[in-house]
Structures are given as C-alpha cells and as structure tokens.
Amino acid sequence: MNRLVELLGGEVTYIPKRPGEPDCTFADITKIRRELKWQPKVDIKQGVDNVLANIDYWKSAPVWTPATIATATEDWFKYLGSDDK
C-alpha cells in the first residue's frame, strides 16, 4: 500500500483494522516464478499508470464507506461467527 500511495502521490489515510486481518502481509511471487516459470506482464507502476489512464471508466464505481462496507460484509461476518464489524 505504501508503494501505491507513493505512485499516486496522495495522502495516507489510516482505517481501523478489520477483525481477523493480519498485522502484516508480504506479496512474494518467487515460488510461482520458479515452479511455473511465470512472469507478470505489467509491473506495479505500469498497472497504476494504466488505471489512471482509464480513470473515467472507474468514476461510476461505488464508493465504499463504513456503512456500505458493513452492509456488504454482514453475511461474511455471520459465516465467521463474529458480530464485530
């Protein structure tokens, strides 16, 4: 996320951690590169540039707010057995 913020040049906005969310994650494609000889077709910068070049397409996408997230994840939390949101 820090790299994405860096590429976009925006402000960092901190949101509360969701229940069950790990403290830290790392994307590592070493194994898929090694075992399947896979390579990404675009790097992160090129991908962000592509999204920004087509930003008008995304302008009609729904904006996620705490209320819409709570509604959209209500069933998810039921399956997890937690009422915490």
N, C-alpha and C. Protein backbone atom coordinates (compact mmCIF):
# COMPACT_ATOMS: atom_id res chain seq x y z
N MET A 1 0.82 -1.19 0.00
CA MET A 1 0.00 0.00 0.00
C MET A 1 0.87 1.25 0.00
N ASN A 2 1.97 1.20 0.72
CA ASN A 2 2.84 2.37 0.75
C ASN A 2 3.34 2.70 -0.65
N ARG A 3 3.68 1.67 -1.42
CA ARG A 3 4.16 1.88 -2.79
C ARG A 3 3.05 2.49 -3.64
N LEU A 4 1.84 2.04 -3.46
CA LEU A 4 0.71 2.58 -4.21
C LEU A 4 0.50 4.05 -3.87
N VAL A 5 0.54 4.39 -2.60
CA VAL A 5 0.40 5.79 -2.18
C VAL A 5 1.53 6.61 -2.78
N GLU A 6 2.73 6.05 -2.78
CA GLU A 6 3.89 6.74 -3.35
C GLU A 6 3.67 7.02 -4.85
N LEU A 7 3.19 6.03 -5.59
CA LEU A 7 2.96 6.19 -7.02
C LEU A 7 1.84 7.19 -7.31
N LEU A 8 0.82 7.20 -6.47
CA LEU A 8 -0.30 8.10 -6.67
C LEU A 8 -0.03 9.50 -6.14
N GLY A 9 0.92 9.59 -5.21
CA GLY A 9 1.25 10.89 -4.65
C GLY A 9 0.17 11.44 -3.74
N GLY A 10 -0.61 10.56 -3.14
CA GLY A 10 -1.72 11.01 -2.30
C GLY A 10 -1.38 10.98 -0.82
N GLU A 11 -2.36 11.41 -0.05
CA GLU A 11 -2.23 11.37 1.40
C GLU A 11 -2.51 9.96 1.91
N VAL A 12 -1.89 9.61 3.00
CA VAL A 12 -2.14 8.33 3.64
C VAL A 12 -3.35 8.48 4.54
N THR A 13 -4.31 7.58 4.40
CA THR A 13 -5.48 7.56 5.27
C THR A 13 -5.48 6.23 6.00
N TYR A 14 -5.46 6.29 7.31
CA TYR A 14 -5.46 5.08 8.11
C TYR A 14 -6.89 4.69 8.45
N ILE A 15 -7.21 3.42 8.23
CA ILE A 15 -8.53 2.91 8.58
C ILE A 15 -8.35 1.82 9.62
N PRO A 16 -9.36 1.61 10.47
CA PRO A 16 -9.23 0.58 11.51
C PRO A 16 -9.05 -0.81 10.89
N LYS A 17 -8.26 -1.61 11.57
CA LYS A 17 -8.04 -2.99 11.15
C LYS A 17 -9.33 -3.78 11.32
N ARG A 18 -9.64 -4.60 10.32
CA ARG A 18 -10.84 -5.44 10.38
C ARG A 18 -10.56 -6.68 11.24
N PRO A 19 -11.59 -7.24 11.86
CA PRO A 19 -11.39 -8.46 12.65
C PRO A 19 -10.78 -9.57 11.79
N GLY A 20 -9.74 -10.19 12.32
CA GLY A 20 -9.09 -11.29 11.61
C GLY A 20 -8.06 -10.85 10.60
N GLU A 21 -7.92 -9.56 10.38
CA GLU A 21 -6.96 -9.07 9.41
C GLU A 21 -5.55 -9.19 9.98
N PRO A 22 -4.59 -9.71 9.21
CA PRO A 22 -3.23 -9.84 9.73
C PRO A 22 -2.57 -8.48 9.91
N ASP A 23 -1.60 -8.43 10.81
CA ASP A 23 -0.87 -7.19 11.04
C ASP A 23 -0.03 -6.79 9.84
N CYS A 24 0.47 -7.79 9.13
CA CYS A 24 1.37 -7.51 8.02
C CYS A 24 1.28 -8.64 7.00
N THR A 25 1.36 -8.31 5.73
CA THR A 25 1.40 -9.33 4.68
C THR A 25 2.50 -8.95 3.69
N PHE A 26 3.00 -9.95 3.00
CA PHE A 26 4.03 -9.72 2.01
C PHE A 26 3.67 -10.46 0.73
N ALA A 27 3.68 -9.76 -0.37
CA ALA A 27 3.46 -10.41 -1.66
C ALA A 27 4.81 -10.95 -2.13
N ASP A 28 4.85 -12.23 -2.43
CA ASP A 28 6.09 -12.84 -2.88
C ASP A 28 5.76 -13.81 -4.00
N ILE A 29 6.19 -13.49 -5.21
CA ILE A 29 5.89 -14.34 -6.36
C ILE A 29 7.05 -15.26 -6.72
N THR A 30 8.01 -15.40 -5.82
CA THR A 30 9.18 -16.23 -6.08
C THR A 30 8.79 -17.66 -6.44
N LYS A 31 7.89 -18.25 -5.68
CA LYS A 31 7.52 -19.65 -5.89
C LYS A 31 6.85 -19.86 -7.25
N ILE A 32 5.91 -19.01 -7.62
CA ILE A 32 5.23 -19.19 -8.90
C ILE A 32 6.19 -18.93 -10.06
N ARG A 33 7.12 -18.00 -9.87
CA ARG A 33 8.14 -17.77 -10.90
C ARG A 33 8.99 -19.02 -11.08
N ARG A 34 9.40 -19.60 -9.98
CA ARG A 34 10.28 -20.76 -10.01
C ARG A 34 9.56 -21.99 -10.55
N GLU A 35 8.39 -22.30 -10.01
CA GLU A 35 7.72 -23.55 -10.35
C GLU A 35 6.97 -23.52 -11.67
N LEU A 36 6.43 -22.39 -12.03
CA LEU A 36 5.64 -22.31 -13.26
C LEU A 36 6.29 -21.44 -14.34
N LYS A 37 7.46 -20.90 -14.01
CA LYS A 37 8.17 -20.00 -14.94
C LYS A 37 7.27 -18.82 -15.34
N TRP A 38 6.46 -18.37 -14.39
CA TRP A 38 5.52 -17.28 -14.64
C TRP A 38 6.20 -15.93 -14.42
N GLN A 39 5.83 -14.97 -15.23
CA GLN A 39 6.30 -13.59 -15.06
C GLN A 39 5.10 -12.66 -15.20
N PRO A 40 5.02 -11.63 -14.38
CA PRO A 40 3.93 -10.67 -14.56
C PRO A 40 4.08 -9.94 -15.89
N LYS A 41 2.96 -9.60 -16.49
CA LYS A 41 3.00 -8.87 -17.77
C LYS A 41 3.21 -7.38 -17.56
N VAL A 42 2.77 -6.86 -16.42
CA VAL A 42 2.98 -5.44 -16.11
C VAL A 42 3.50 -5.33 -14.69
N ASP A 43 4.32 -4.32 -14.44
CA ASP A 43 4.78 -4.10 -13.06
C ASP A 43 3.79 -3.15 -12.37
N ILE A 44 3.99 -2.92 -11.10
CA ILE A 44 3.04 -2.13 -10.32
C ILE A 44 2.90 -0.71 -10.87
N LYS A 45 4.00 -0.10 -11.26
CA LYS A 45 3.92 1.27 -11.80
C LYS A 45 3.13 1.30 -13.09
N GLN A 46 3.39 0.37 -13.99
CA GLN A 46 2.66 0.33 -15.25
C GLN A 46 1.17 0.05 -15.00
N GLY A 47 0.88 -0.83 -14.04
CA GLY A 47 -0.52 -1.12 -13.71
C GLY A 47 -1.25 0.10 -13.18
N VAL A 48 -0.60 0.83 -12.27
CA VAL A 48 -1.21 2.06 -11.74
C VAL A 48 -1.38 3.08 -12.86
N ASP A 49 -0.37 3.21 -13.71
CA ASP A 49 -0.48 4.14 -14.84
C ASP A 49 -1.65 3.77 -15.75
N ASN A 50 -1.86 2.47 -15.98
CA ASN A 50 -2.98 2.02 -16.81
C ASN A 50 -4.33 2.38 -16.17
N VAL A 51 -4.44 2.18 -14.86
CA VAL A 51 -5.68 2.54 -14.17
C VAL A 51 -5.93 4.04 -14.27
N LEU A 52 -4.88 4.83 -14.03
CA LEU A 52 -5.05 6.28 -14.09
C LEU A 52 -5.39 6.76 -15.50
N ALA A 53 -4.84 6.10 -16.51
CA ALA A 53 -5.14 6.46 -17.90
C ALA A 53 -6.60 6.17 -18.24
N ASN A 54 -7.20 5.23 -17.51
CA ASN A 54 -8.60 4.84 -17.76
C ASN A 54 -9.50 5.21 -16.58
N ILE A 55 -9.13 6.24 -15.85
CA ILE A 55 -9.83 6.58 -14.61
C ILE A 55 -11.30 6.91 -14.84
N ASP A 56 -11.63 7.46 -16.00
CA ASP A 56 -13.04 7.80 -16.27
C ASP A 56 -13.93 6.56 -16.22
N TYR A 57 -13.38 5.43 -16.62
CA TYR A 57 -14.14 4.18 -16.57
C TYR A 57 -14.56 3.85 -15.14
N TRP A 58 -13.70 4.19 -14.19
CA TRP A 58 -13.94 3.83 -12.78
C TRP A 58 -14.74 4.87 -12.02
N LYS A 59 -15.01 6.02 -12.61
CA LYS A 59 -15.70 7.09 -11.88
C LYS A 59 -17.10 6.71 -11.43
N SER A 60 -17.74 5.78 -12.13
CA SER A 60 -19.09 5.38 -11.73
C SER A 60 -19.08 4.20 -10.75
N ALA A 61 -17.90 3.74 -10.36
CA ALA A 61 -17.81 2.64 -9.39
C ALA A 61 -18.32 3.11 -8.03
N PRO A 62 -18.91 2.20 -7.24
CA PRO A 62 -19.43 2.62 -5.94
C PRO A 62 -18.30 3.05 -5.00
N VAL A 63 -18.60 4.03 -4.17
CA VAL A 63 -17.65 4.49 -3.17
C VAL A 63 -17.93 3.71 -1.89
N TRP A 64 -16.88 3.12 -1.33
CA TRP A 64 -17.04 2.35 -0.10
C TRP A 64 -16.91 3.26 1.10
N THR A 65 -17.93 3.22 1.93
CA THR A 65 -17.95 3.98 3.18
C THR A 65 -18.06 2.96 4.32
N PRO A 66 -17.84 3.38 5.55
CA PRO A 66 -18.03 2.42 6.65
C PRO A 66 -19.41 1.76 6.62
N ALA A 67 -20.44 2.51 6.27
CA ALA A 67 -21.79 1.94 6.24
C ALA A 67 -21.95 0.92 5.12
N THR A 68 -21.44 1.23 3.92
CA THR A 68 -21.59 0.28 2.81
C THR A 68 -20.71 -0.95 3.01
N ILE A 69 -19.58 -0.77 3.64
CA ILE A 69 -18.72 -1.92 3.95
C ILE A 69 -19.42 -2.82 4.95
N ALA A 70 -20.03 -2.22 5.99
CA ALA A 70 -20.74 -3.01 7.00
C ALA A 70 -21.87 -3.81 6.36
N THR A 71 -22.61 -3.19 5.47
CA THR A 71 -23.71 -3.88 4.79
C THR A 71 -23.18 -5.00 3.90
N ALA A 72 -22.15 -4.71 3.12
CA ALA A 72 -21.61 -5.68 2.17
C ALA A 72 -20.95 -6.87 2.86
N THR A 73 -20.44 -6.67 4.07
CA THR A 73 -19.73 -7.75 4.76
C THR A 73 -20.55 -8.41 5.86
N GLU A 74 -21.81 -8.03 6.00
CA GLU A 74 -22.66 -8.57 7.07
C GLU A 74 -22.71 -10.10 7.03
N ASP A 75 -23.00 -10.68 5.87
CA ASP A 75 -23.05 -12.14 5.75
C ASP A 75 -21.69 -12.76 6.00
N TRP A 76 -20.65 -12.10 5.54
CA TRP A 76 -19.29 -12.61 5.72
C TRP A 76 -19.00 -12.80 7.21
N PHE A 77 -19.36 -11.80 8.02
CA PHE A 77 -19.12 -11.90 9.45
C PHE A 77 -19.99 -12.97 10.10
N LYS A 78 -21.19 -13.20 9.57
CA LYS A 78 -22.03 -14.28 10.09
C LYS A 78 -21.34 -15.62 9.90
N TYR A 79 -20.76 -15.83 8.72
CA TYR A 79 -20.06 -17.09 8.45
C TYR A 79 -18.81 -17.24 9.31
N LEU A 80 -18.20 -16.12 9.68
CA LEU A 80 -17.03 -16.18 10.55
C LEU A 80 -17.42 -16.40 12.01
N GLY A 81 -18.70 -16.20 12.30
CA GLY A 81 -19.17 -16.40 13.66
C GLY A 81 -18.87 -15.23 14.57
N SER A 82 -18.74 -14.04 13.99
CA SER A 82 -18.43 -12.87 14.77
C SER A 82 -19.45 -11.78 14.48
N ASP A 83 -19.89 -11.09 15.53
CA ASP A 83 -20.80 -9.96 15.35
C ASP A 83 -20.04 -8.65 15.28
N ASP A 84 -18.72 -8.71 15.51
CA ASP A 84 -17.89 -7.50 15.48
C ASP A 84 -17.70 -7.04 14.05
N LYS A 85 -17.81 -5.75 13.85
CA LYS A 85 -17.60 -5.20 12.50
C LYS A 85 -16.58 -4.12 12.53
